[in-house]
Amino acid sequence: MKCPFCASSENRVIDSRISKDGHAIRRRRECTGCGRRFTTYEFVEEVLPTVVKKDGRRETFDRTKIRTGIKKACEKRPVKTEDIEKIVENVERFCQEYQGNEIPATAIGENIMRELQGLDGVAYVRFASVYRQFRDVNDFVHELQRFLETNDDKH
C-alpha cells in the first residue's frame, strides 16, 4: 500500500475495524516515511458477470454507471441518497447472483426499472425513456399507461 502523500510503500496499520455498513475492513495506517496517517478499506472481491450490451459489445460490470443512470433519473426528485445506494446495491447483488458468466444489459435495465417503479414514478419513467429509447410521445404515453396499470394492481 503506497502512502498517498509521499508514495512510500512502507507503513504500519495502527487501527482496524469493520466499516459502518459491515462490508469492508477500515484500516488506519501510518507512513513510516513521512509519518502521515491515511485510511484504507479492504473489500471482498466480488466476481461479477460480463455485461452484454444490446449491440453485442461486452463490458465489465460498472457500479458507477448504474449509480449515474439512477441519479439522473432521480434528479430533482424527493429521493434520498440512501435509497439510490440501496438500489445500486440491489442491482449489484442481482448481477452477482445471476447464473452465468455473462448477463444481458437488458436484464440489468429491467431490474433497475423494477426498483425505481417502487420508489418514484417520475424517476421510473425518466429511466424508461432513456433505457427503452423512446422515439416519440406515443412511446412515452404507452410506458405511462403500463406504469399506471402495474401500480393499480398493487393497490
Protein backbone atom coordinates (compact mmCIF):
# COMPACT_ATOMS: atom_id res chain seq x y z
CA MET A 1 0.00 0.00 0.00
CA LYS A 2 1.60 3.27 -1.11
CA CYS A 3 1.31 6.40 1.01
CA PRO A 4 -0.92 8.93 -0.80
CA PHE A 5 1.33 11.75 0.43
CA CYS A 6 4.90 10.60 -0.27
CA ALA A 7 4.36 7.35 -2.26
CA SER A 8 6.42 5.30 0.20
CA SER A 9 5.33 1.69 0.38
CA GLU A 10 6.42 1.34 4.00
CA ASN A 11 3.62 1.86 6.52
CA ARG A 12 2.06 0.22 9.51
CA VAL A 13 -1.53 -0.45 10.50
CA ILE A 14 -2.41 1.44 13.68
CA ASP A 15 -6.14 0.56 13.85
CA SER A 16 -8.52 -1.90 12.14
CA ARG A 17 -12.27 -2.12 12.40
CA ILE A 18 -15.29 -3.17 10.41
CA SER A 19 -16.85 -0.37 8.35
CA LYS A 20 -20.27 1.02 9.26
CA ASP A 21 -22.03 -1.00 6.57
CA GLY A 22 -20.18 -4.19 7.58
CA HIS A 23 -18.93 -4.90 4.05
CA ALA A 24 -15.32 -3.78 4.49
CA ILE A 25 -12.48 -3.53 6.93
CA ARG A 26 -11.33 0.01 7.61
CA ARG A 27 -7.63 0.36 8.40
CA ARG A 28 -5.83 3.45 9.70
CA ARG A 29 -2.24 3.41 8.57
CA GLU A 30 0.80 5.49 9.38
CA CYS A 31 3.51 6.01 6.79
CA THR A 32 6.95 5.20 8.18
CA GLY A 33 8.47 7.54 5.57
CA CYS A 34 6.64 10.83 6.23
CA GLY A 35 4.71 9.96 9.41
CA ARG A 36 1.31 10.99 7.99
CA ARG A 37 -1.78 8.88 8.52
CA PHE A 38 -4.29 7.67 5.98
CA THR A 39 -7.25 5.28 5.76
CA THR A 40 -7.66 2.26 3.53
CA TYR A 41 -10.57 -0.12 3.04
CA GLU A 42 -10.36 -3.82 2.37
CA PHE A 43 -13.25 -5.47 0.47
CA VAL A 44 -14.03 -8.99 -0.61
CA GLU A 45 -13.54 -9.10 -4.35
CA GLU A 46 -16.85 -9.95 -5.95
CA VAL A 47 -16.90 -11.80 -9.23
CA LEU A 48 -19.47 -10.21 -11.49
CA PRO A 49 -20.60 -11.43 -14.89
CA THR A 50 -19.60 -9.59 -18.06
CA VAL A 51 -22.34 -7.27 -19.33
CA VAL A 52 -23.51 -7.94 -22.89
CA LYS A 53 -24.79 -4.72 -24.46
CA LYS A 54 -27.70 -4.60 -26.94
CA ASP A 55 -25.26 -4.25 -29.86
CA GLY A 56 -23.28 -7.32 -28.74
CA ARG A 57 -20.33 -5.48 -27.16
CA ARG A 58 -19.10 -6.83 -23.86
CA GLU A 59 -18.10 -4.70 -20.86
CA THR A 60 -17.13 -5.32 -17.28
CA PHE A 61 -19.85 -4.52 -14.76
CA ASP A 62 -19.55 -0.88 -13.68
CA ARG A 63 -21.32 0.07 -10.47
CA THR A 64 -20.63 3.76 -11.20
CA LYS A 65 -22.60 3.60 -14.47
CA ILE A 66 -25.55 2.12 -12.62
CA ARG A 67 -25.40 4.84 -9.95
CA THR A 68 -25.06 7.62 -12.56
CA GLY A 69 -28.11 6.41 -14.52
CA ILE A 70 -30.23 6.12 -11.40
CA LYS A 71 -29.10 9.53 -10.13
CA LYS A 72 -30.05 11.16 -13.45
CA ALA A 73 -33.48 9.57 -13.30
CA CYS A 74 -33.94 10.77 -9.70
CA GLU A 75 -32.61 14.29 -10.30
CA LYS A 76 -34.76 16.97 -8.60
CA ARG A 77 -36.98 14.28 -7.12
CA PRO A 78 -37.59 13.64 -3.39
CA VAL A 79 -35.38 10.55 -3.43
CA LYS A 80 -32.82 10.06 -0.67
CA THR A 81 -29.20 9.25 -1.48
CA GLU A 82 -29.55 6.18 0.75
CA ASP A 83 -32.41 4.94 -1.45
CA ILE A 84 -30.27 5.35 -4.58
CA GLU A 85 -27.40 3.47 -2.92
CA LYS A 86 -29.78 0.71 -1.86
CA ILE A 87 -30.94 0.28 -5.48
CA VAL A 88 -27.31 0.19 -6.67
CA GLU A 89 -26.55 -2.49 -4.07
CA ASN A 90 -29.66 -4.48 -5.03
CA VAL A 91 -28.73 -4.34 -8.74
CA GLU A 92 -25.16 -5.40 -7.99
CA ARG A 93 -26.44 -8.29 -5.84
CA PHE A 94 -28.82 -9.29 -8.66
CA CYS A 95 -25.83 -9.43 -11.04
CA GLN A 96 -23.71 -11.39 -8.56
CA GLU A 97 -26.49 -13.96 -8.15
CA TYR A 98 -27.10 -14.21 -11.90
CA GLN A 99 -26.34 -17.69 -13.20
CA GLY A 100 -23.71 -17.47 -15.91
CA ASN A 101 -20.55 -15.62 -16.88
CA GLU A 102 -22.44 -13.05 -18.97
CA ILE A 103 -25.54 -11.02 -18.23
CA PRO A 104 -27.57 -9.11 -20.83
CA ALA A 105 -27.69 -5.36 -20.24
CA THR A 106 -31.45 -5.66 -20.74
CA ALA A 107 -31.72 -7.82 -17.60
CA ILE A 108 -29.91 -5.13 -15.62
CA GLY A 109 -32.07 -2.36 -17.09
CA GLU A 110 -35.29 -4.22 -16.31
CA ASN A 111 -34.07 -4.83 -12.77
CA ILE A 112 -33.36 -1.11 -12.31
CA MET A 113 -36.80 -0.25 -13.65
CA ARG A 114 -38.48 -2.62 -11.16
CA GLU A 115 -36.52 -0.98 -8.34
CA LEU A 116 -37.41 2.55 -9.50
CA GLN A 117 -41.06 1.67 -10.04
CA GLY A 118 -41.50 1.09 -6.33
CA LEU A 119 -39.50 4.17 -5.39
CA ASP A 120 -40.60 7.07 -7.60
CA GLY A 121 -42.88 7.05 -10.64
CA VAL A 122 -41.25 10.04 -12.33
CA ALA A 123 -37.77 8.56 -11.91
CA TYR A 124 -39.10 5.28 -13.32
CA VAL A 125 -40.48 6.96 -16.46
CA ARG A 126 -37.33 9.06 -16.89
CA PHE A 127 -35.15 5.96 -16.73
CA ALA A 128 -37.51 4.06 -19.04
CA SER A 129 -37.40 6.87 -21.62
CA VAL A 130 -33.62 6.55 -21.93
CA TYR A 131 -33.38 2.79 -21.42
CA ARG A 132 -36.16 1.94 -23.88
CA GLN A 133 -35.07 4.73 -26.25
CA PHE A 134 -38.47 6.37 -26.70
CA ARG A 135 -38.80 7.65 -30.26
CA ASP A 136 -41.85 9.84 -29.77
CA VAL A 137 -44.59 10.92 -27.36
CA ASN A 138 -46.62 7.77 -28.07
CA ASP A 139 -43.82 5.61 -26.63
CA PHE A 140 -43.86 7.84 -23.55
CA VAL A 141 -47.65 7.57 -23.15
CA HIS A 142 -47.54 3.78 -23.64
CA GLU A 143 -44.94 3.43 -20.85
CA LEU A 144 -47.01 5.68 -18.54
CA GLN A 145 -50.06 3.50 -19.16
CA ARG A 146 -48.06 0.35 -18.32
CA PHE A 147 -46.75 2.01 -15.17
CA LEU A 148 -50.22 3.10 -14.05
CA GLU A 149 -51.73 -0.33 -14.76
CA THR A 150 -48.97 -2.05 -12.78
CA ASN A 151 -49.36 0.33 -9.86
CA ASP A 152 -53.15 -0.03 -9.89
CA ASP A 153 -52.65 -3.78 -9.46
CA LYS A 154 -50.60 -3.12 -6.31
CA HIS A 155 -53.30 -1.02 -4.64
